[in-house]
Structures are given as structure tokens and as C-alpha cells.
């Protein structure tokens, strides 16, 4: 005989509120991905808290504030104007969300990663990335960006293989 302990759901209002935040965060992630590399940076910036902290893990650079984030986004989008994206996976809970995707394009302009600059080489590249976001009141207020910088250097012609 097995014994299972069931926890009664007595606070359905709290459960509905939690589910609502999760669904809102999922929608934010889908909207963020849809707007990524689009011509509509302003709508993407609407999803970001003015005091965002964005850590680029491969370089250790911390982007502080929406204006700095905006400038780097403009630089990256201009460095590869034909940039494409392919969604691999995304999920969210009440506070956090993760977005995994493949980015690719042609490096026709210099890309600024803060402490590291990638020179335009005309190289065609494809790279897998993962972002982990923290959301407060429907806005992305912290982000951790993960990708392999050595792969970036190799596929963009910065390092000869």
C-alpha cells in the first residue's frame, strides 16, 4: 500500500495570480524574441527596466541602464544588418525567464562587446546564445548573457584556425 500526501489548493486567488505572472513573463519573452533584431528597438526597449543590469558573461562586462543597453543593441544590429534568429527554447516562471536561440548573419560592421571589439570581416557566422532574465513588474531588470566568445572570434575571422 502506498501513501500519497496531497496538498489541498485552498488559496486559488494566489495560485491564479502566480499563473498570471508566469503567463505574462512568457508573453514578454515571446515579444522580446519577436522584436530582437527588428527595426523597432523602441518597442523592445519598452520591455526593459530603466535601471537594467545586463552581464555579458564571456567578457565580464556589466551594462548598466537602458541607454547603455540601447547603444550596444544598436551597434550589434548595425554590425550585422542581415542578422537572423532561430528560437530553440524559452521558458519562464514568476520571476525568471530564459531564452535560447541561434543568431547568425554577416559581420559587415564592428561589434562592440564593451571591453572587447570585434572588427568587421565580412564573415558569415552562426552562434548559439542563452539569456537568463529577471523580471519585476513586467520589465526585464537583470539579464545574464551566455555564449562562447572564442567561437565568436573564430567564426568572425578574428582568430585564425
Protein backbone atom coordinates (compact mmCIF):
# COMPACT_ATOMS: atom_id res chain seq x y z
CA UNK A 1 0.00 0.00 0.00
CA UNK A 2 1.36 3.42 -0.93
CA UNK A 3 0.57 6.59 0.84
CA UNK A 4 0.46 9.86 -1.02
CA UNK A 5 0.27 13.21 0.59
CA UNK A 6 -1.88 15.64 -1.29
CA UNK A 7 -1.65 19.32 -0.57
CA UNK A 8 -5.01 20.98 -0.91
CA UNK A 9 -5.14 24.10 -3.02
CA UNK A 10 -7.00 26.46 -0.76
CA UNK A 11 -5.68 29.78 -1.99
CA UNK A 12 -6.92 29.74 -5.58
CA UNK A 13 -6.61 33.53 -5.87
CA UNK A 14 -2.88 33.36 -5.08
CA UNK A 15 -2.46 30.46 -7.50
CA UNK A 16 -4.25 32.40 -10.24
CA UNK A 17 -2.07 35.46 -9.59
CA UNK A 18 1.08 33.33 -9.82
CA UNK A 19 -0.11 31.69 -13.04
CA UNK A 20 -0.93 35.14 -14.41
CA UNK A 21 2.64 36.37 -13.73
CA UNK A 22 4.08 33.28 -15.39
CA UNK A 23 1.89 33.79 -18.47
CA UNK A 24 2.82 37.49 -18.58
CA UNK A 25 6.52 36.61 -18.38
CA UNK A 26 6.10 34.04 -21.16
CA UNK A 27 4.45 36.71 -23.29
CA UNK A 28 7.28 39.15 -22.52
CA UNK A 29 9.83 36.55 -23.66
CA UNK A 30 7.94 35.88 -26.89
CA UNK A 31 7.63 39.61 -27.54
CA UNK A 32 11.32 40.18 -26.78
CA UNK A 33 12.32 37.44 -29.21
CA UNK A 34 9.95 38.71 -31.91
CA UNK A 35 11.41 42.22 -31.62
CA UNK A 36 15.05 41.09 -31.43
CA UNK A 37 16.98 42.46 -34.46
CA UNK A 38 13.83 44.17 -35.72
CA UNK A 39 13.61 47.75 -36.87
CA UNK A 40 11.57 48.52 -33.76
CA UNK A 41 14.12 49.00 -31.00
CA UNK A 42 11.78 51.35 -29.11
CA UNK A 43 9.20 48.59 -28.56
CA UNK A 44 11.94 46.23 -27.41
CA UNK A 45 13.20 48.91 -25.01
CA UNK A 46 9.66 49.17 -23.57
CA UNK A 47 10.25 45.69 -22.11
CA UNK A 48 13.39 46.81 -20.26
CA UNK A 49 13.62 48.49 -16.85
CA UNK A 50 15.39 51.90 -16.96
CA UNK A 51 17.98 50.62 -14.44
CA UNK A 52 18.65 47.28 -16.11
CA UNK A 53 21.81 45.38 -15.18
CA UNK A 54 22.96 43.21 -18.09
CA UNK A 55 26.02 41.00 -17.59
CA UNK A 56 27.84 39.70 -20.67
CA UNK A 57 29.44 36.61 -19.15
CA UNK A 58 32.18 35.96 -21.73
CA UNK A 59 33.70 39.41 -21.20
CA UNK A 60 32.57 40.16 -17.66
CA UNK A 61 31.14 43.50 -18.82
CA UNK A 62 28.13 44.88 -16.95
CA UNK A 63 25.73 47.07 -18.91
CA UNK A 64 24.04 49.46 -16.50
CA UNK A 65 20.94 51.32 -17.61
CA UNK A 66 18.61 51.33 -20.56
CA UNK A 67 20.61 53.96 -22.51
CA UNK A 68 23.81 51.87 -22.48
CA UNK A 69 21.80 48.77 -23.37
CA UNK A 70 20.18 50.66 -26.27
CA UNK A 71 23.52 51.85 -27.64
CA UNK A 72 25.03 48.35 -27.59
CA UNK A 73 21.91 46.87 -29.20
CA UNK A 74 22.06 49.48 -31.99
CA UNK A 75 25.74 48.69 -32.52
CA UNK A 76 25.19 44.93 -32.72
CA UNK A 77 22.20 45.24 -35.04
CA UNK A 78 24.15 47.58 -37.34
CA UNK A 79 27.22 45.30 -37.33
CA UNK A 80 25.12 42.54 -38.92
CA UNK A 81 22.16 44.15 -40.68
CA UNK A 82 21.08 40.83 -42.21
CA UNK A 83 21.03 39.13 -38.83
CA UNK A 84 18.71 36.16 -38.42
CA UNK A 85 17.47 34.30 -35.38
CA UNK A 86 16.06 30.87 -34.67
CA UNK A 87 14.32 30.12 -31.39
CA UNK A 88 15.46 26.96 -29.68
CA UNK A 89 13.79 27.20 -26.29
CA UNK A 90 12.26 29.63 -23.83
CA UNK A 91 10.55 29.29 -20.51
CA UNK A 92 9.51 31.44 -17.58
CA UNK A 93 8.38 31.28 -14.01
CA UNK A 94 7.14 34.05 -11.71
CA UNK A 95 10.47 35.94 -11.62
CA UNK A 96 12.85 34.46 -14.18
CA UNK A 97 12.83 33.62 -17.84
CA UNK A 98 15.34 32.05 -20.19
CA UNK A 99 15.71 32.45 -23.92
CA UNK A 100 17.95 30.17 -26.00
CA UNK A 101 18.40 30.88 -29.70
CA UNK A 102 20.73 30.74 -32.69
CA UNK A 103 21.86 34.04 -34.14
CA UNK A 104 23.56 34.40 -37.49
CA UNK A 105 24.41 36.89 -40.17
CA UNK A 106 27.29 38.61 -41.92
CA UNK A 107 29.68 40.76 -39.90
CA UNK A 108 29.77 43.90 -42.06
CA UNK A 109 30.40 46.36 -39.20
CA UNK A 110 32.40 46.43 -35.97
CA UNK A 111 30.64 44.84 -32.98
CA UNK A 112 31.20 46.30 -29.52
CA UNK A 113 31.01 43.93 -26.55
CA UNK A 114 32.14 46.55 -24.04
CA UNK A 115 35.72 45.59 -23.23
CA UNK A 116 36.10 43.67 -26.48
CA UNK A 117 35.60 44.92 -30.03
CA UNK A 118 35.09 42.53 -32.95
CA UNK A 119 36.25 44.02 -36.25
CA UNK A 120 34.15 43.78 -39.41
CA UNK A 121 35.46 40.94 -41.58
CA UNK A 122 32.52 40.16 -43.84
CA UNK A 123 32.43 36.70 -42.25
CA UNK A 124 29.18 34.76 -42.25
CA UNK A 125 28.51 33.36 -38.80
CA UNK A 126 26.05 31.38 -36.72
CA UNK A 127 26.18 31.25 -32.93
CA UNK A 128 24.08 29.77 -30.15
CA UNK A 129 23.21 32.13 -27.26
CA UNK A 130 21.33 31.90 -23.99
CA UNK A 131 19.91 34.74 -21.90
CA UNK A 132 18.59 34.42 -18.36
CA UNK A 133 16.31 37.30 -17.41
CA UNK A 134 14.90 38.52 -14.13
CA UNK A 135 11.59 40.34 -14.41
CA UNK A 136 9.98 42.75 -11.97
CA UNK A 137 6.58 44.29 -12.64
CA UNK A 138 6.68 43.00 -16.23
CA UNK A 139 10.06 44.58 -17.05
CA UNK A 140 13.43 42.93 -17.59
CA UNK A 141 15.59 44.37 -14.81
CA UNK A 142 18.53 41.94 -14.87
CA UNK A 143 19.98 39.77 -17.59
CA UNK A 144 22.82 37.30 -17.91
CA UNK A 145 24.03 36.69 -21.46
CA UNK A 146 25.88 33.45 -22.22
CA UNK A 147 27.76 32.50 -25.39
CA UNK A 148 31.25 31.32 -26.26
CA UNK A 149 33.48 34.28 -27.09
CA UNK A 150 36.23 32.08 -28.54
CA UNK A 151 33.68 30.74 -31.01
CA UNK A 152 32.66 34.34 -31.84
CA UNK A 153 36.29 35.23 -32.55
CA UNK A 154 36.86 32.10 -34.66
CA UNK A 155 33.68 32.31 -36.77
CA UNK A 156 34.05 36.04 -37.41
CA UNK A 157 37.64 35.71 -38.58
CA UNK A 158 39.26 37.33 -35.54
CA UNK A 159 41.31 34.22 -34.79
CA UNK A 160 42.81 32.07 -37.50
CA UNK A 161 42.16 28.34 -37.13
